[in-house]
Structure formats: C-alpha cells, structure tokens
Amino acid sequence: MYNGIGLTTPRGSGTNGFVQRNLSHIPNRPKRDFKDYNEMAPPPPVKKVDKSIAVHDKKREIEIKCIELQDELEEKGEKEDVIVEKVSKLRKKLTEELESKINKKEEENIKELKSLKEIENKKVMDAFGIKEDEFIEGASLNKEYQELKKQERIIERQKREEEREERMKREEKRRKRDKEERERHYERRDRDRSRSRSRSRSRNRNRNRSRSRSRSRDRHYGERERDRSRERHHDEKKRRHHHHR
C-alpha cells in the first residue's frame, strides 16, 4: 500500500503489490456551454455591387480616355478649338455606348425577371390545380363568377356520381352473368361426369356379363369333354373285357 492506495498485502492477489496509475482512465472534463443557434451571430451579409458605383467607374474610364486624347492632340500641336471638339465627340460617343449597354442590360434583367416570374406563377398554378387557359385575373373576387363555378362543380360532381352508379350497376350485372355461367358450367360438368360414370358402369356390367358367359361356356364345354372322356374310357374297358372273354 502506498499513500492509502492499493492492497494492504500482495499475498493471495497474484501481483507484486506495485502501484501504478490506470492509463485507460478518462477523466471527467467540464462540459462546454454551447450557445443557442438563434443567439449566435448571423453570417456576414453578401455584399452586392452598387449600380451607381459601377456606372461612376465606367464614366471615370471615359474621362481618362478623353484626357489621354487631349494630351495626344496637345503634343501634336492641334488648336484648342479642334481639341475641344474632338474630345467632346469622343466623350459623347463613349457615353452613348455606355447608356446603350446599361439599357440593354436592364432590358435583359427585366426579361429574365419576367421569365422567372412566369415560371414561379406556373408552379403555383400547378400546385393549386389552376388551369392556365381557364384562369381569369380577379375572378376570385367576383361573387357571380364564383357562384357560377360552384354550380358547375356541383353538376360535374352529380354527373360523376351518376357515372359511378351506372358503372357499379354494369359491374353487378357482369358479376351476376359470370356467376350464372359458372353455375351452368358446373351443372354441365356434373351431368357429363354422371353420364360418363353411367356409361363406364354399363360397360363394366357388359364386360362382367360377357366374362360370366364365357366362364359358363368354358365350364359347360369342360363338363362335356369330361363326360366324353368318361364314355370313351368306359367303352375302352368294355372292349378290353369282351376281348379277354
């Protein structure tokens, strides 16, 4: 024993009494207090490109090109009026190209949004079972139209019920007809079987009669043969007796 730990004596324990620490023991670690998901900080928002900043950068590029043209013309020794005119033409040209690109991009975005909206509307109509050819905008607020549609649904439901009843009647008739046909089939089968049994019994009777006749005929023939053999034997004895005398 060491420091109050271990056995008082190693006798009978099958060990030498040496004390060592348990390497497989896992100590209890304090649990971490995880915050609730809702209390956690939200993810950083995705930064979108500001349209005005992008347009400003494009305009800045236009001004840089104009300044470069102005410097080039000044180096060539062009007059100031000519320089101003050429720079203004270039600025006007580049600005019109930029505006046309912006308008074209906006039209493409509008078309894309329209197509996405149409796809979304089609999905919603499919989910609610609304037919596109029967859809009328604002019909849900028209009481007269809704009452008319209600009456049409009632008529269609009654028609479906009548068709279902008619179908059930036809099915019942068909089952009854099949049952009668099966019963007739079974009756015919039983009748044929009884006829075949009676024929087989009559054939067996005739066969037995013929066998009994043949047996009686054979028996009668055997008796006659025996009588004849006796008579022949008796005649032979008589002849022998007469011959000895």
Foldseek 3Di string as FASTA:
>chain_A
DPPPDWDPACPPVPDPGDDDDDPPDDDDDDDDDDDDPVPDDDDDDDDDDDPVVVVVVQLVVLVVVLVVQLVVVVVVPDDPVVSVVVSVVSSVVSVVVVVVVVVVVVVVVVVVVVVVVVVVVVVVCVVVVHDPVPDDPPLVVPPVSVVVVVVVVVVVVVVVVVVVVVVVVVVVVVVVVVVVVVVVVVVVVVVVVVVVVVVVVVVVVVVVVVVVVVVVVVVVVVVVVVVVVVVVVVVVVVVVVVVVD
